[in-house]
Amino acid sequence: MSGPPDEFEWIARGLAPLAEGAPEAFGLLDDAAAIPSRPGYDLIVSKDAIVEGVHFLADDPPDLVAHKLLRVNLSDLAAKGATPYGYFLAVAWPPSYGWPERQAFARGLAEDQARFGLKLFGGDTVATPGPLTASLTILGWTPAGRMVRRAGARPGDVILVSGTIGDGFLGLLSAKGLRVIKSYKDADWLADRYRLPQPRSGLAEALRNHANAAADISDGLIADAGKVANASGVGFEIDLDRLPLSAPAAAWLAEAADPVAAGIELATGGDDYEIVCAAAPENAAALLAAAAAAGIALAPIGRASEGSGVRVIANGAEVEIARAGYVHR
């Protein structure tokens, strides 16, 4: 079969296998799921959507689109200190997505379900003239009252960030075929970083135990750090010279005509899906050690202080930021 299936056939053959082993979903034969309570825990709920041409490219393989959809939502859970549990899916399929494309999409979801330990509980599937639009509501657990919020950073806290920053920005340019990276190998690696985010799920427990506040970085480090600062009622100072960079991003920065402007692009470009967090100075070392034990790099990049907003420092001086990150219209 190459043409698009009807809704019920797609649910039965494409999606029901993703709910196997999840009694909450009733085999996707009902129009709702039943989520049992878990004594001593809070159910954490988050939701992100992706749209063709905005969050992924039109020629991205369907399985990678599914990976990205699930992973950007897992990134939100990780920042809350939550353990993945399950999800609800809604997809608006354009005519170009027939059986082969939908099967590849389902395969991508199945692979990451196994990798990150969660199940499909239900959702909806509809047709659209385009573009492909997919929305996912993800559920996770934290011990009661232990969700890590954006609010909670305090003056004097150390600001830290996971992984490397700017790969998503450079990866999008590379995925579009723009030759901003001289090395084809590096360009391909960066494009993969854009298409296939790495949610920092292994950082969840460390954040619960040692961080005062956290957020995932989707719109850009400066923009998302600003959300934490604003929710917490403090100011953040971030030092561009301390940003952790991948080797390809560092090489690109070293060749930039204006390294400060280029560093700002890396810090505001978005699509990194790393974690920015704040920890009390006496807890920062324990947080760094716990992250290292989980195999996740974490780097101090600044401090919280009295005030508001984000001050960006480069070469020891404050620099102006015209655009903190991606703005949803």
Protein backbone atom coordinates (compact mmCIF):
# COMPACT_ATOMS: atom_id res chain seq x y z
CA MET A 1 0.00 0.00 0.00
CA SER A 2 1.44 3.39 -1.01
CA GLY A 3 -1.52 5.78 -0.67
CA PRO A 4 -2.63 7.27 2.64
CA PRO A 5 -4.63 4.90 4.89
CA ASP A 6 -7.85 5.90 6.57
CA GLU A 7 -7.71 7.02 10.19
CA PHE A 8 -8.81 3.76 11.80
CA GLU A 9 -6.55 1.60 9.67
CA TRP A 10 -3.61 3.82 10.54
CA ILE A 11 -4.40 3.66 14.26
CA ALA A 12 -4.80 -0.12 14.19
CA ARG A 13 -1.75 -0.93 12.09
CA GLY A 14 0.57 2.02 12.66
CA LEU A 15 -0.04 3.29 16.18
CA ALA A 16 -1.55 0.45 18.24
CA PRO A 17 1.78 -1.43 18.31
CA LEU A 18 3.29 1.61 20.05
CA ALA A 19 0.79 1.16 22.90
CA GLU A 20 1.60 -2.51 23.52
CA GLY A 21 2.47 -3.09 27.16
CA ALA A 22 0.59 0.05 28.26
CA PRO A 23 -2.74 -1.00 29.85
CA GLU A 24 -3.50 2.70 30.35
CA ALA A 25 -4.12 2.97 26.58
CA PHE A 26 -6.66 0.12 26.18
CA GLY A 27 -5.01 -0.88 22.90
CA LEU A 28 -6.05 2.51 21.45
CA LEU A 29 -9.57 1.08 21.06
CA ASP A 30 -11.12 3.76 23.26
CA ASP A 31 -11.08 7.55 22.82
CA ALA A 32 -9.38 8.20 26.16
CA ALA A 33 -6.71 6.73 28.43
CA ALA A 34 -6.87 6.11 32.17
CA ILE A 35 -3.79 7.29 34.07
CA PRO A 36 -3.51 5.69 37.50
CA SER A 37 -2.28 7.66 40.48
CA ARG A 38 1.17 6.92 41.86
CA PRO A 39 1.32 7.55 45.61
CA GLY A 40 4.14 9.87 46.57
CA TYR A 41 4.65 11.22 43.04
CA ASP A 42 3.50 14.14 40.90
CA LEU A 43 2.49 13.57 37.28
CA ILE A 44 4.41 16.11 35.19
CA VAL A 45 2.77 17.13 31.88
CA SER A 46 4.40 19.08 29.04
CA LYS A 47 3.59 19.69 25.38
CA ASP A 48 5.55 20.71 22.29
CA ALA A 49 4.62 20.76 18.60
CA ILE A 50 6.76 20.76 15.48
CA VAL A 51 5.85 22.07 12.02
CA GLU A 52 7.47 21.29 8.69
CA GLY A 53 9.50 24.24 7.47
CA VAL A 54 9.73 25.71 10.97
CA HIS A 55 11.18 22.98 13.20
CA PHE A 56 12.38 20.54 10.55
CA LEU A 57 13.05 20.58 6.83
CA ALA A 58 10.63 19.30 4.22
CA ASP A 59 13.06 16.61 3.03
CA ASP A 60 13.98 15.32 6.50
CA PRO A 61 13.31 11.56 6.73
CA PRO A 62 10.04 10.74 8.55
CA ASP A 63 11.76 8.59 11.17
CA LEU A 64 14.07 11.49 12.11
CA VAL A 65 11.06 13.83 12.30
CA ALA A 66 9.48 11.40 14.78
CA HIS A 67 12.72 11.21 16.76
CA LYS A 68 12.87 14.99 16.98
CA LEU A 69 9.23 15.30 18.04
CA LEU A 70 9.68 12.87 20.90
CA ARG A 71 13.08 14.20 21.93
CA VAL A 72 12.17 17.89 22.14
CA ASN A 73 9.42 16.85 24.56
CA LEU A 74 11.78 14.58 26.50
CA SER A 75 14.07 17.58 26.84
CA ASP A 76 11.28 19.46 28.64
CA LEU A 77 10.80 16.54 31.03
CA ALA A 78 14.54 16.34 31.73
CA ALA A 79 14.62 20.03 32.70
CA LYS A 80 11.80 19.39 35.18
CA GLY A 81 13.72 16.51 36.79
CA ALA A 82 11.06 14.06 35.61
CA THR A 83 11.29 10.41 34.62
CA PRO A 84 9.51 9.67 31.28
CA TYR A 85 6.25 7.74 31.52
CA GLY A 86 4.17 8.03 28.33
CA TYR A 87 2.73 10.40 25.76
CA PHE A 88 -0.26 11.42 23.63
CA LEU A 89 0.27 12.11 19.93
CA ALA A 90 -1.60 14.29 17.43
CA VAL A 91 -0.49 14.39 13.79
CA ALA A 92 -1.92 16.30 10.81
CA TRP A 93 -0.80 14.34 7.74
CA PRO A 94 -0.35 16.04 4.35
CA PRO A 95 -1.08 14.00 1.18
CA SER A 96 2.62 13.25 0.66
CA TYR A 97 2.63 11.03 3.76
CA GLY A 98 1.35 7.67 2.54
CA TRP A 99 1.89 4.28 4.17
CA PRO A 100 5.69 4.12 3.71
CA GLU A 101 6.19 7.57 5.22
CA ARG A 102 3.81 6.93 8.11
CA GLN A 103 5.39 3.55 8.82
CA ALA A 104 8.82 5.20 8.93
CA PHE A 105 7.42 7.82 11.32
CA ALA A 106 6.00 5.09 13.59
CA ARG A 107 9.31 3.24 13.43
CA GLY A 108 11.12 6.34 14.66
CA LEU A 109 8.72 6.62 17.60
CA ALA A 110 9.12 2.93 18.42
CA GLU A 111 12.91 3.19 18.46
CA ASP A 112 12.92 6.10 20.87
CA GLN A 113 10.18 4.58 23.04
CA ALA A 114 12.51 1.65 23.62
CA ARG A 115 15.52 3.93 24.09
CA PHE A 116 13.92 6.27 26.64
CA GLY A 117 11.37 4.00 28.30
CA LEU A 118 7.87 5.29 27.53
CA LYS A 119 4.67 4.25 25.73
CA LEU A 120 1.99 5.82 23.54
CA PHE A 121 -1.28 6.33 25.45
CA GLY A 122 -3.49 7.83 22.72
CA GLY A 123 -4.11 10.96 20.69
CA ASP A 124 -5.55 11.94 17.33
CA THR A 125 -4.68 11.77 13.65
CA VAL A 126 -6.15 14.02 10.95
CA ALA A 127 -5.52 15.04 7.35
CA THR A 128 -4.29 18.44 6.19
CA PRO A 129 -3.30 19.96 2.84
CA GLY A 130 0.00 20.70 4.57
CA PRO A 131 2.49 21.20 6.02
CA LEU A 132 3.04 18.22 8.30
CA THR A 133 2.27 19.26 11.86
CA ALA A 134 2.76 17.02 14.89
CA SER A 135 2.06 17.69 18.54
CA LEU A 136 3.00 15.56 21.50
CA THR A 137 1.85 15.74 25.12
CA ILE A 138 4.37 13.98 27.33
CA LEU A 139 3.93 12.66 30.86
CA GLY A 140 6.57 11.98 33.48
CA TRP A 141 6.90 11.38 37.22
CA THR A 142 8.74 13.23 39.95
CA PRO A 143 8.66 12.58 43.68
CA ALA A 144 5.89 14.74 45.13
CA GLY A 145 6.81 18.42 45.27
CA ARG A 146 10.20 17.85 43.62
CA MET A 147 9.63 19.17 40.09
CA VAL A 148 12.42 21.58 39.14
CA ARG A 149 10.77 24.86 38.15
CA ARG A 150 12.02 27.85 36.21
CA ALA A 151 11.35 29.86 39.34
CA GLY A 152 13.78 29.19 42.17
CA ALA A 153 17.13 30.73 41.17
CA ARG A 154 18.61 32.99 43.85
CA PRO A 155 21.22 35.74 43.85
CA GLY A 156 24.66 34.16 44.04
CA ASP A 157 23.62 30.95 42.28
CA VAL A 158 25.98 29.45 39.73
CA ILE A 159 24.51 29.25 36.19
CA LEU A 160 25.43 26.06 34.36
CA VAL A 161 24.67 24.56 30.97
CA SER A 162 24.81 20.99 29.70
CA GLY A 163 26.50 19.71 26.56
CA THR A 164 27.61 22.20 23.93
CA ILE A 165 25.95 25.38 22.68
CA GLY A 166 25.45 26.56 19.10
CA ASP A 167 25.42 23.19 17.35
CA GLY A 168 21.70 23.50 16.58
CA PHE A 169 22.19 26.90 14.96
CA LEU A 170 25.12 25.75 12.82
CA GLY A 171 23.40 22.42 12.18
CA LEU A 172 20.35 24.10 10.67
CA LEU A 173 22.55 26.11 8.32
CA SER A 174 24.41 22.94 7.37
CA ALA A 175 21.19 20.97 6.89
CA LYS A 176 20.03 23.69 4.49
CA GLY A 177 23.20 23.20 2.45
CA LEU A 178 24.78 26.52 3.39
CA ARG A 179 28.56 26.11 3.40
CA VAL A 180 29.29 27.92 6.65
CA ILE A 181 31.40 24.93 7.77
CA LYS A 182 34.38 24.09 5.58
CA SER A 183 34.68 20.46 6.60
CA TYR A 184 31.99 18.25 5.04
CA LYS A 185 32.39 15.81 7.93
CA ASP A 186 31.83 18.57 10.49
CA ALA A 187 28.89 19.96 8.51
CA ASP A 188 27.23 16.53 8.44
CA TRP A 189 27.84 16.08 12.18
CA LEU A 190 26.26 19.45 12.94
CA ALA A 191 23.27 18.72 10.67
CA ASP A 192 22.72 15.51 12.64
CA ARG A 193 22.82 17.52 15.88
CA TYR A 194 20.03 19.71 14.50
CA ARG A 195 17.92 16.82 13.24
CA LEU A 196 18.48 14.49 16.19
CA PRO A 197 18.59 16.30 19.55
CA GLN A 198 19.99 14.46 22.58
CA PRO A 199 17.61 15.03 25.51
CA ARG A 200 19.49 15.12 28.81
CA SER A 201 17.17 12.65 30.54
CA GLY A 202 20.09 11.32 32.58
CA LEU A 203 20.40 14.71 34.28
CA ALA A 204 16.92 14.61 35.84
CA GLU A 205 17.86 13.18 39.23
CA ALA A 206 20.90 15.44 39.58
CA LEU A 207 18.72 18.48 38.88
CA ARG A 208 16.13 17.40 41.46
CA ASN A 209 18.81 16.90 44.08
CA HIS A 210 21.07 19.89 43.47
CA ALA A 211 19.52 22.60 41.24
CA ASN A 212 17.30 25.50 42.27
CA ALA A 213 15.85 26.12 38.78
CA ALA A 214 16.19 24.84 35.22
CA ALA A 215 14.86 25.04 31.65
CA ASP A 216 15.61 23.32 28.41
CA ILE A 217 17.23 25.35 25.63
CA SER A 218 15.04 25.37 22.53
CA ASP A 219 14.80 29.05 21.59
CA GLY A 220 18.43 29.90 22.38
CA LEU A 221 20.57 29.94 25.52
CA ILE A 222 20.13 33.65 26.22
CA ALA A 223 16.37 33.56 25.63
CA ASP A 224 15.76 30.48 27.76
CA ALA A 225 18.13 31.61 30.52
CA GLY A 226 16.10 34.83 30.51
CA LYS A 227 12.92 32.85 31.13
CA VAL A 228 14.50 31.29 34.22
CA ALA A 229 15.78 34.67 35.43
CA ASN A 230 12.39 36.32 34.91
CA ALA A 231 10.46 33.51 36.61
CA SER A 232 12.89 33.63 39.53
CA GLY A 233 12.91 37.42 39.87
CA VAL A 234 16.70 37.67 39.57
CA GLY A 235 19.27 38.78 37.02
CA PHE A 236 21.65 36.46 35.20
CA GLU A 237 25.16 37.28 34.03
CA ILE A 238 26.43 34.93 31.30
CA ASP A 239 30.03 34.94 30.07
CA LEU A 240 30.26 34.12 26.34
CA ASP A 241 33.92 33.19 26.78
CA ARG A 242 32.88 30.28 29.00
CA LEU A 243 30.35 28.71 26.62
CA PRO A 244 31.05 25.01 26.07
CA LEU A 245 31.52 24.45 22.33
CA SER A 246 31.88 21.39 20.15
CA ALA A 247 35.06 21.13 18.08
CA PRO A 248 33.22 22.12 14.85
CA ALA A 249 31.57 25.13 16.53
CA ALA A 250 34.88 26.20 18.09
CA ALA A 251 36.59 25.98 14.69
CA TRP A 252 33.83 28.08 13.10
CA LEU A 253 34.12 30.66 15.88
CA ALA A 254 37.91 30.85 15.53
CA GLU A 255 37.56 31.81 11.87
CA ALA A 256 34.83 34.42 12.43
CA ALA A 257 35.65 37.99 11.41
CA ASP A 258 33.84 39.23 14.54
CA PRO A 259 34.19 36.57 17.26
CA VAL A 260 31.90 38.41 19.69
CA ALA A 261 29.07 38.69 17.15
CA ALA A 262 29.62 35.05 16.19
CA GLY A 263 29.52 33.98 19.84
CA ILE A 264 26.23 35.82 20.24
CA GLU A 265 24.84 33.90 17.26
CA LEU A 266 25.79 30.60 18.91
CA ALA A 267 24.20 31.67 22.20
CA THR A 268 20.94 32.88 20.62
CA GLY A 269 20.48 30.51 17.67
CA GLY A 270 18.36 27.85 19.38
CA ASP A 271 17.64 24.16 18.67
CA ASP A 272 20.31 22.94 21.11
CA TYR A 273 17.92 21.14 23.52
CA GLU A 274 20.45 21.34 26.33
CA ILE A 275 19.66 22.31 29.94
CA VAL A 276 20.41 25.66 31.57
CA CYS A 277 20.17 25.56 35.35
CA ALA A 278 20.98 27.46 38.52
CA ALA A 279 22.52 25.94 41.65
CA ALA A 280 23.61 27.36 44.99
CA PRO A 281 27.43 27.67 45.16
CA GLU A 282 27.58 25.01 47.89
CA ASN A 283 25.64 22.58 45.64
CA ALA A 284 27.39 23.28 42.32
CA ALA A 285 30.21 20.81 42.88
CA ALA A 286 27.76 18.02 43.76
CA LEU A 287 25.70 18.85 40.66
CA LEU A 288 28.79 18.73 38.44
CA ALA A 289 29.82 15.40 39.96
CA ALA A 290 26.35 13.89 39.56
CA ALA A 291 26.19 15.05 35.93
CA ALA A 292 29.61 13.55 35.25
CA ALA A 293 28.53 10.27 36.84
CA ALA A 294 25.54 10.27 34.45
CA GLY A 295 27.90 10.84 31.50
CA ILE A 296 26.68 14.37 30.83
CA ALA A 297 29.00 17.37 30.59
CA LEU A 298 27.93 20.41 32.61
CA ALA A 299 29.79 23.73 32.56
CA PRO A 300 29.51 26.87 34.75
CA ILE A 301 28.88 29.93 32.54
CA GLY A 302 27.82 32.68 34.93
CA ARG A 303 26.09 33.88 38.08
CA ALA A 304 22.69 35.01 39.27
CA SER A 305 22.41 38.36 41.01
CA GLU A 306 19.93 40.92 42.25
CA GLY A 307 18.15 42.59 39.34
CA SER A 308 16.41 41.30 36.25
CA GLY A 309 17.08 40.01 32.76
CA VAL A 310 20.31 38.64 31.31
CA ARG A 311 23.59 40.52 31.04
CA VAL A 312 25.95 39.03 28.46
CA ILE A 313 29.69 39.46 28.98
CA ALA A 314 32.42 39.00 26.33
CA ASN A 315 36.09 39.80 26.81
CA GLY A 316 35.25 41.16 30.25
CA ALA A 317 32.73 43.76 29.02
CA GLU A 318 28.95 43.74 28.68
CA VAL A 319 27.68 43.43 25.12
CA GLU A 320 24.31 44.39 23.69
CA ILE A 321 21.99 41.61 22.50
CA ALA A 322 19.56 42.70 19.79
CA ARG A 323 17.73 39.36 19.73
CA ALA A 324 17.91 36.91 22.63
CA GLY A 325 16.61 33.95 20.62
CA TYR A 326 13.84 32.56 18.46
CA VAL A 327 10.50 34.35 18.88
CA HIS A 328 7.26 32.45 18.21
CA ARG A 329 4.73 34.59 16.36
